[in-house]
């Protein structure tokens, strides 16, 4: 049995300001976390065919602005990581 997933999520538009804000937050992280988050985004954006080169600002903006699911996942992960432990 297969379940059809609506394509509505792909049709969502993410504002340029939201994407740039997320990219700025990622690049402002201290190492080693900056590299770990950038690597995660690069691997997911390229479906694990990433070449190992650290992605630049424009590349991150392009990936996150064209994939709402990736944008949401990265934003949620970053928020969870920044949230203080209870």
PDB file of N, CA and C in Angstrom:
ATOM      1  N   UNK A   1       0.845  -1.179   0.000  1.00  0.00           N
ATOM      2  CA  UNK A   1       0.000   0.000   0.000  1.00  0.00           C
ATOM      3  C   UNK A   1       0.891   1.243   0.000  1.00  0.00           C
ATOM      4  N   UNK A   2       0.615   2.157  -0.875  1.00  0.00           N
ATOM      5  CA  UNK A   2       1.397   3.390  -0.917  1.00  0.00           C
ATOM      6  C   UNK A   2       0.519   4.564  -0.530  1.00  0.00           C
ATOM      7  N   UNK A   3       1.146   5.553   0.000  1.00  0.00           N
ATOM      8  CA  UNK A   3       0.434   6.747   0.441  1.00  0.00           C
ATOM      9  C   UNK A   3       0.898   7.909  -0.421  1.00  0.00           C
ATOM     10  N   UNK A   4      -0.051   8.601  -1.003  1.00  0.00           N
ATOM     11  CA  UNK A   4       0.292   9.775  -1.813  1.00  0.00           C
ATOM     12  C   UNK A   4       0.516  10.973  -0.910  1.00  0.00           C
ATOM     13  N   UNK A   5       1.613  11.645  -1.104  1.00  0.00           N
ATOM     14  CA  UNK A   5       1.929  12.847  -0.334  1.00  0.00           C
ATOM     15  C   UNK A   5       1.673  14.048  -1.228  1.00  0.00           C
ATOM     16  N   UNK A   6       0.798  14.937  -0.804  1.00  0.00           N
ATOM     17  CA  UNK A   6       0.490  16.089  -1.653  1.00  0.00           C
ATOM     18  C   UNK A   6       1.728  16.928  -1.943  1.00  0.00           C
ATOM     19  N   UNK A   7       1.747  17.508  -3.125  1.00  0.00           N
ATOM     20  CA  UNK A   7       2.872  18.341  -3.548  1.00  0.00           C
ATOM     21  C   UNK A   7       2.733  19.766  -3.041  1.00  0.00           C
ATOM     22  N   UNK A   8       1.824  20.006  -2.133  1.00  0.00           N
ATOM     23  CA  UNK A   8       1.575  21.352  -1.625  1.00  0.00           C
ATOM     24  C   UNK A   8       2.816  21.935  -0.976  1.00  0.00           C
ATOM     25  N   UNK A   9       3.558  21.115  -0.215  1.00  0.00           N
ATOM     26  CA  UNK A   9       4.736  21.632   0.485  1.00  0.00           C
ATOM     27  C   UNK A   9       5.770  22.178  -0.489  1.00  0.00           C
ATOM     28  N   UNK A  10       5.954  21.528  -1.613  1.00  0.00           N
ATOM     29  CA  UNK A  10       6.933  21.993  -2.586  1.00  0.00           C
ATOM     30  C   UNK A  10       6.524  23.332  -3.182  1.00  0.00           C
ATOM     31  N   UNK A  11       5.221  23.606  -3.187  1.00  0.00           N
ATOM     32  CA  UNK A  11       4.726  24.837  -3.789  1.00  0.00           C
ATOM     33  C   UNK A  11       4.846  26.032  -2.844  1.00  0.00           C
ATOM     34  N   UNK A  12       5.188  25.787  -1.591  1.00  0.00           N
ATOM     35  CA  UNK A  12       5.311  26.881  -0.633  1.00  0.00           C
ATOM     36  C   UNK A  12       6.439  27.812  -1.054  1.00  0.00           C
ATOM     37  N   UNK A  13       6.211  29.077  -0.820  1.00  0.00           N
ATOM     38  CA  UNK A  13       7.230  30.074  -1.137  1.00  0.00           C
ATOM     39  C   UNK A  13       7.844  30.574   0.157  1.00  0.00           C
ATOM     40  N   UNK A  14       9.134  30.577   0.214  1.00  0.00           N
ATOM     41  CA  UNK A  14       9.850  31.047   1.395  1.00  0.00           C
ATOM     42  C   UNK A  14      10.423  32.413   1.047  1.00  0.00           C
ATOM     43  N   UNK A  15      10.202  33.369   1.918  1.00  0.00           N
ATOM     44  CA  UNK A  15      10.686  34.719   1.625  1.00  0.00           C
ATOM     45  C   UNK A  15      12.209  34.755   1.614  1.00  0.00           C
ATOM     46  N   UNK A  16      12.730  35.629   0.781  1.00  0.00           N
ATOM     47  CA  UNK A  16      14.182  35.801   0.680  1.00  0.00           C
ATOM     48  C   UNK A  16      14.756  36.202   2.034  1.00  0.00           C
ATOM     49  N   UNK A  17      14.030  37.033   2.765  1.00  0.00           N
ATOM     50  CA  UNK A  17      14.497  37.486   4.078  1.00  0.00           C
ATOM     51  C   UNK A  17      14.597  36.319   5.053  1.00  0.00           C
ATOM     52  N   UNK A  18      13.618  35.400   5.008  1.00  0.00           N
ATOM     53  CA  UNK A  18      13.650  34.242   5.903  1.00  0.00           C
ATOM     54  C   UNK A  18      14.835  33.343   5.601  1.00  0.00           C
ATOM     55  N   UNK A  19      15.064  33.110   4.316  1.00  0.00           N
ATOM     56  CA  UNK A  19      16.186  32.256   3.917  1.00  0.00           C
ATOM     57  C   UNK A  19      17.505  32.903   4.320  1.00  0.00           C
ATOM     58  N   UNK A  20      17.656  34.179   4.027  1.00  0.00           N
ATOM     59  CA  UNK A  20      18.916  34.851   4.365  1.00  0.00           C
ATOM     60  C   UNK A  20      19.131  34.918   5.870  1.00  0.00           C
ATOM     61  N   UNK A  21      18.064  35.048   6.622  1.00  0.00           N
ATOM     62  CA  UNK A  21      18.169  35.053   8.082  1.00  0.00           C
ATOM     63  C   UNK A  21      18.663  33.697   8.591  1.00  0.00           C
ATOM     64  N   UNK A  22      18.138  32.622   8.020  1.00  0.00           N
ATOM     65  CA  UNK A  22      18.578  31.288   8.420  1.00  0.00           C
ATOM     66  C   UNK A  22      20.033  31.058   8.024  1.00  0.00           C
ATOM     67  N   UNK A  23      20.401  31.455   6.816  1.00  0.00           N
ATOM     68  CA  UNK A  23      21.784  31.289   6.365  1.00  0.00           C
ATOM     69  C   UNK A  23      22.726  32.113   7.246  1.00  0.00           C
ATOM     70  N   UNK A  24      22.318  33.321   7.585  1.00  0.00           N
ATOM     71  CA  UNK A  24      23.138  34.144   8.477  1.00  0.00           C
ATOM     72  C   UNK A  24      23.317  33.459   9.831  1.00  0.00           C
ATOM     73  N   UNK A  25      22.252  32.869  10.345  1.00  0.00           N
ATOM     74  CA  UNK A  25      22.330  32.174  11.635  1.00  0.00           C
ATOM     75  C   UNK A  25      23.290  30.984  11.542  1.00  0.00           C
ATOM     76  N   UNK A  26      23.255  30.271  10.425  1.00  0.00           N
ATOM     77  CA  UNK A  26      24.154  29.124  10.257  1.00  0.00           C
ATOM     78  C   UNK A  26      25.611  29.566  10.182  1.00  0.00           C
ATOM     79  N   UNK A  27      25.884  30.612   9.399  1.00  0.00           N
ATOM     80  CA  UNK A  27      27.259  31.079   9.258  1.00  0.00           C
ATOM     81  C   UNK A  27      27.775  31.778  10.513  1.00  0.00           C
ATOM     82  N   UNK A  28      26.884  32.209  11.392  1.00  0.00           N
ATOM     83  CA  UNK A  28      27.333  32.881  12.610  1.00  0.00           C
ATOM     84  C   UNK A  28      27.628  31.908  13.746  1.00  0.00           C
ATOM     85  N   UNK A  29      27.350  30.635  13.546  1.00  0.00           N
ATOM     86  CA  UNK A  29      27.662  29.643  14.575  1.00  0.00           C
ATOM     87  C   UNK A  29      29.172  29.522  14.745  1.00  0.00           C
ATOM     88  N   UNK A  30      29.578  29.192  15.946  1.00  0.00           N
ATOM     89  CA  UNK A  30      30.993  28.922  16.206  1.00  0.00           C
ATOM     90  C   UNK A  30      31.339  27.531  15.684  1.00  0.00           C
ATOM     91  N   UNK A  31      32.593  27.364  15.345  1.00  0.00           N
ATOM     92  CA  UNK A  31      33.071  26.024  14.968  1.00  0.00           C
ATOM     93  C   UNK A  31      33.143  25.179  16.236  1.00  0.00           C
ATOM     94  N   UNK A  32      32.894  23.918  16.191  1.00  0.00           N
ATOM     95  CA  UNK A  32      32.713  23.101  14.996  1.00  0.00           C
ATOM     96  C   UNK A  32      31.274  23.059  14.485  1.00  0.00           C
ATOM     97  N   UNK A  33      30.364  23.735  15.166  1.00  0.00           N
ATOM     98  CA  UNK A  33      28.949  23.631  14.811  1.00  0.00           C
ATOM     99  C   UNK A  33      28.624  24.237  13.453  1.00  0.00           C
ATOM    100  N   UNK A  34      29.290  25.310  13.086  1.00  0.00           N
ATOM    101  CA  UNK A  34      29.050  25.903  11.766  1.00  0.00           C
ATOM    102  C   UNK A  34      29.311  24.860  10.680  1.00  0.00           C
ATOM    103  N   UNK A  35      30.471  24.260  10.730  1.00  0.00           N
ATOM    104  CA  UNK A  35      30.829  23.258   9.736  1.00  0.00           C
ATOM    105  C   UNK A  35      29.895  22.067   9.725  1.00  0.00           C
ATOM    106  N   UNK A  36      29.457  21.653  10.897  1.00  0.00           N
ATOM    107  CA  UNK A  36      28.557  20.497  10.975  1.00  0.00           C
ATOM    108  C   UNK A  36      27.204  20.807  10.349  1.00  0.00           C
ATOM    109  N   UNK A  37      26.661  21.992  10.649  1.00  0.00           N
ATOM    110  CA  UNK A  37      25.376  22.359  10.055  1.00  0.00           C
ATOM    111  C   UNK A  37      25.502  22.564   8.549  1.00  0.00           C
ATOM    112  N   UNK A  38      26.560  23.239   8.090  1.00  0.00           N
ATOM    113  CA  UNK A  38      26.740  23.458   6.659  1.00  0.00           C
ATOM    114  C   UNK A  38      26.914  22.134   5.922  1.00  0.00           C
ATOM    115  N   UNK A  39      27.650  21.212   6.517  1.00  0.00           N
ATOM    116  CA  UNK A  39      27.831  19.890   5.925  1.00  0.00           C
ATOM    117  C   UNK A  39      26.504  19.154   5.821  1.00  0.00           C
ATOM    118  N   UNK A  40      25.708  19.213   6.874  1.00  0.00           N
ATOM    119  CA  UNK A  40      24.396  18.557   6.860  1.00  0.00           C
ATOM    120  C   UNK A  40      23.520  19.106   5.742  1.00  0.00           C
ATOM    121  N   UNK A  41      23.454  20.426   5.626  1.00  0.00           N
ATOM    122  CA  UNK A  41      22.642  21.039   4.570  1.00  0.00           C
ATOM    123  C   UNK A  41      23.166  20.622   3.196  1.00  0.00           C
ATOM    124  N   UNK A  42      24.467  20.674   3.009  1.00  0.00           N
ATOM    125  CA  UNK A  42      25.060  20.315   1.715  1.00  0.00           C
ATOM    126  C   UNK A  42      24.744  18.869   1.349  1.00  0.00           C
ATOM    127  N   UNK A  43      24.886  17.972   2.304  1.00  0.00           N
ATOM    128  CA  UNK A  43      24.613  16.561   2.026  1.00  0.00           C
ATOM    129  C   UNK A  43      23.145  16.328   1.695  1.00  0.00           C
ATOM    130  N   UNK A  44      22.261  16.960   2.447  1.00  0.00           N
ATOM    131  CA  UNK A  44      20.838  16.756   2.178  1.00  0.00           C
ATOM    132  C   UNK A  44      20.410  17.429   0.878  1.00  0.00           C
ATOM    133  N   UNK A  45      20.949  18.590   0.595  1.00  0.00           N
ATOM    134  CA  UNK A  45      20.580  19.306  -0.629  1.00  0.00           C
ATOM    135  C   UNK A  45      21.044  18.573  -1.885  1.00  0.00           C
ATOM    136  N   UNK A  46      22.152  17.848  -1.775  1.00  0.00           N
ATOM    137  CA  UNK A  46      22.696  17.130  -2.933  1.00  0.00           C
ATOM    138  C   UNK A  46      22.384  15.642  -2.881  1.00  0.00           C
ATOM    139  N   UNK A  47      21.526  15.259  -1.974  1.00  0.00           N
ATOM    140  CA  UNK A  47      21.157  13.842  -1.795  1.00  0.00           C
ATOM    141  C   UNK A  47      22.383  12.978  -1.555  1.00  0.00           C
ATOM    142  N   UNK A  48      23.254  13.465  -0.676  1.00  0.00           N
ATOM    143  CA  UNK A  48      24.456  12.775  -0.211  1.00  0.00           C
ATOM    144  C   UNK A  48      25.495  12.590  -1.310  1.00  0.00           C
ATOM    145  N   UNK A  49      25.452  13.433  -2.351  1.00  0.00           N
ATOM    146  CA  UNK A  49      26.465  13.394  -3.419  1.00  0.00           C
ATOM    147  C   UNK A  49      27.343  14.637  -3.343  1.00  0.00           C
ATOM    148  N   UNK A  50      27.449  15.193  -2.180  1.00  0.00           N
ATOM    149  CA  UNK A  50      28.213  16.418  -1.942  1.00  0.00           C
ATOM    150  C   UNK A  50      29.689  16.173  -2.184  1.00  0.00           C
ATOM    151  N   UNK A  51      30.374  17.158  -2.733  1.00  0.00           N
ATOM    152  CA  UNK A  51      31.784  17.012  -3.093  1.00  0.00           C
ATOM    153  C   UNK A  51      32.759  17.288  -1.952  1.00  0.00           C
ATOM    154  N   UNK A  52      32.263  17.657  -0.790  1.00  0.00           N
ATOM    155  CA  UNK A  52      33.134  17.879   0.357  1.00  0.00           C
ATOM    156  C   UNK A  52      33.625  19.308   0.523  1.00  0.00           C
ATOM    157  N   UNK A  53      33.407  20.158  -0.481  1.00  0.00           N
ATOM    158  CA  UNK A  53      33.808  21.563  -0.386  1.00  0.00           C
ATOM    159  C   UNK A  53      32.805  22.310   0.496  1.00  0.00           C
ATOM    160  N   UNK A  54      33.312  23.166   1.376  1.00  0.00           N
ATOM    161  CA  UNK A  54      32.415  23.941   2.223  1.00  0.00           C
ATOM    162  C   UNK A  54      31.540  24.835   1.352  1.00  0.00           C
ATOM    163  N   UNK A  55      30.211  24.734   1.513  1.00  0.00           N
ATOM    164  CA  UNK A  55      29.326  25.557   0.683  1.00  0.00           C
ATOM    165  C   UNK A  55      29.429  27.031   1.047  1.00  0.00           C
ATOM    166  N   UNK A  56      29.259  27.868   0.055  1.00  0.00           N
ATOM    167  CA  UNK A  56      29.277  29.304   0.275  1.00  0.00           C
ATOM    168  C   UNK A  56      27.884  29.840   0.578  1.00  0.00           C
ATOM    169  N   UNK A  57      27.832  31.123   0.886  1.00  0.00           N
ATOM    170  CA  UNK A  57      26.583  31.793   1.233  1.00  0.00           C
ATOM    171  C   UNK A  57      25.538  31.627   0.123  1.00  0.00           C
ATOM    172  N   UNK A  58      25.920  31.928  -1.118  1.00  0.00           N
ATOM    173  CA  UNK A  58      24.979  31.880  -2.237  1.00  0.00           C
ATOM    174  C   UNK A  58      24.445  30.475  -2.467  1.00  0.00           C
ATOM    175  N   UNK A  59      25.314  29.490  -2.312  1.00  0.00           N
ATOM    176  CA  UNK A  59      24.901  28.099  -2.482  1.00  0.00           C
ATOM    177  C   UNK A  59      23.873  27.707  -1.424  1.00  0.00           C
ATOM    178  N   UNK A  60      24.125  28.117  -0.184  1.00  0.00           N
ATOM    179  CA  UNK A  60      23.182  27.818   0.896  1.00  0.00           C
ATOM    180  C   UNK A  60      21.840  28.496   0.634  1.00  0.00           C
ATOM    181  N   UNK A  61      21.872  29.754   0.213  1.00  0.00           N
ATOM    182  CA  UNK A  61      20.625  30.473  -0.087  1.00  0.00           C
ATOM    183  C   UNK A  61      19.868  29.755  -1.198  1.00  0.00           C
ATOM    184  N   UNK A  62      20.569  29.333  -2.224  1.00  0.00           N
ATOM    185  CA  UNK A  62      19.918  28.642  -3.349  1.00  0.00           C
ATOM    186  C   UNK A  62      19.261  27.349  -2.892  1.00  0.00           C
ATOM    187  N   UNK A  63      19.971  26.547  -2.136  1.00  0.00           N
ATOM    188  CA  UNK A  63      19.413  25.277  -1.667  1.00  0.00           C
ATOM    189  C   UNK A  63      18.198  25.491  -0.771  1.00  0.00           C
ATOM    190  N   UNK A  64      18.337  26.373   0.196  1.00  0.00           N
ATOM    191  CA  UNK A  64      17.260  26.558   1.175  1.00  0.00           C
ATOM    192  C   UNK A  64      16.056  27.297   0.598  1.00  0.00           C
ATOM    193  N   UNK A  65      16.272  28.122  -0.411  1.00  0.00           N
ATOM    194  CA  UNK A  65      15.145  28.860  -0.979  1.00  0.00           C
ATOM    195  C   UNK A  65      14.345  28.027  -1.968  1.00  0.00           C
ATOM    196  N   UNK A  66      14.926  26.960  -2.479  1.00  0.00           N
ATOM    197  CA  UNK A  66      14.222  26.146  -3.463  1.00  0.00           C
ATOM    198  C   UNK A  66      13.652  24.849  -2.894  1.00  0.00           C
ATOM    199  N   UNK A  67      13.942  24.573  -1.637  1.00  0.00           N
ATOM    200  CA  UNK A  67      13.446  23.337  -1.020  1.00  0.00           C
ATOM    201  C   UNK A  67      12.809  23.648   0.330  1.00  0.00           C
ATOM    202  N   UNK A  68      11.490  23.880   0.348  1.00  0.00           N
ATOM    203  CA  UNK A  68      10.814  24.235   1.604  1.00  0.00           C
ATOM    204  C   UNK A  68      10.968  23.186   2.705  1.00  0.00           C
ATOM    205  N   UNK A  69      11.015  21.926   2.314  1.00  0.00           N
ATOM    206  CA  UNK A  69      11.187  20.862   3.320  1.00  0.00           C
ATOM    207  C   UNK A  69      12.559  20.953   3.984  1.00  0.00           C
ATOM    208  N   UNK A  70      13.583  21.167   3.176  1.00  0.00           N
ATOM    209  CA  UNK A  70      14.935  21.316   3.711  1.00  0.00           C
ATOM    210  C   UNK A  70      15.020  22.558   4.583  1.00  0.00           C
ATOM    211  N   UNK A  71      14.449  23.652   4.111  1.00  0.00           N
ATOM    212  CA  UNK A  71      14.437  24.895   4.895  1.00  0.00           C
ATOM    213  C   UNK A  71      13.814  24.651   6.265  1.00  0.00           C
ATOM    214  N   UNK A  72      12.632  24.038   6.277  1.00  0.00           N
ATOM    215  CA  UNK A  72      11.926  23.798   7.541  1.00  0.00           C
ATOM    216  C   UNK A  72      12.725  22.877   8.455  1.00  0.00           C
ATOM    217  N   UNK A  73      13.299  21.812   7.887  1.00  0.00           N
ATOM    218  CA  UNK A  73      14.073  20.873   8.693  1.00  0.00           C
ATOM    219  C   UNK A  73      15.287  21.545   9.332  1.00  0.00           C
ATOM    220  N   UNK A  74      16.010  22.333   8.553  1.00  0.00           N
ATOM    221  CA  UNK A  74      17.203  23.011   9.073  1.00  0.00           C
ATOM    222  C   UNK A  74      16.810  24.040  10.129  1.00  0.00           C
ATOM    223  N   UNK A  75      15.738  24.784   9.886  1.00  0.00           N
ATOM    224  CA  UNK A  75      15.281  25.775  10.868  1.00  0.00           C
ATOM    225  C   UNK A  75      14.889  25.101  12.177  1.00  0.00           C
ATOM    226  N   UNK A  76      14.180  23.980  12.089  1.00  0.00           N
ATOM    227  CA  UNK A  76      13.777  23.254  13.301  1.00  0.00           C
ATOM    228  C   UNK A  76      14.984  22.682  14.042  1.00  0.00           C
ATOM    229  N   UNK A  77      15.930  22.123  13.299  1.00  0.00           N
ATOM    230  CA  UNK A  77      17.141  21.583  13.936  1.00  0.00           C
ATOM    231  C   UNK A  77      17.940  22.680  14.637  1.00  0.00           C
ATOM    232  N   UNK A  78      18.082  23.807  13.966  1.00  0.00           N
ATOM    233  CA  UNK A  78      18.828  24.916  14.561  1.00  0.00           C
ATOM    234  C   UNK A  78      18.124  25.434  15.811  1.00  0.00           C
ATOM    235  N   UNK A  79      16.808  25.571  15.746  1.00  0.00           N
ATOM    236  CA  UNK A  79      16.044  26.015  16.919  1.00  0.00           C
ATOM    237  C   UNK A  79      16.191  25.028  18.073  1.00  0.00           C
ATOM    238  N   UNK A  80      16.092  23.738  17.772  1.00  0.00           N
ATOM    239  CA  UNK A  80      16.238  22.712  18.812  1.00  0.00           C
ATOM    240  C   UNK A  80      17.635  22.737  19.411  1.00  0.00           C
ATOM    241  N   UNK A  81      18.651  22.920  18.567  1.00  0.00           N
ATOM    242  CA  UNK A  81      20.023  22.937  19.044  1.00  0.00           C
ATOM    243  C   UNK A  81      20.289  24.137  19.933  1.00  0.00           C
ATOM    244  N   UNK A  82      19.692  25.272  19.582  1.00  0.00           N
ATOM    245  CA  UNK A  82      19.897  26.505  20.364  1.00  0.00           C
ATOM    246  C   UNK A  82      19.091  26.530  21.658  1.00  0.00           C
ATOM    247  N   UNK A  83      18.020  25.738  21.737  1.00  0.00           N
ATOM    248  CA  UNK A  83      17.161  25.737  22.911  1.00  0.00           C
ATOM    249  C   UNK A  83      17.960  25.224  24.122  1.00  0.00           C
ATOM    250  N   UNK A  84      17.846  25.920  25.226  1.00  0.00           N
ATOM    251  CA  UNK A  84      18.573  25.479  26.427  1.00  0.00           C
ATOM    252  C   UNK A  84      18.075  24.118  26.920  1.00  0.00           C
ATOM    253  N   UNK A  85      18.991  23.339  27.437  1.00  0.00           N
ATOM    254  CA  UNK A  85      18.629  22.024  27.997  1.00  0.00           C
ATOM    255  C   UNK A  85      17.771  22.219  29.236  1.00  0.00           C
ATOM    256  N   UNK A  86      16.866  21.304  29.410  1.00  0.00           N
ATOM    257  CA  UNK A  86      15.979  21.385  30.583  1.00  0.00           C
ATOM    258  C   UNK A  86      16.477  20.541  31.704  1.00  0.00           C
TER     259      UNK A  86
END
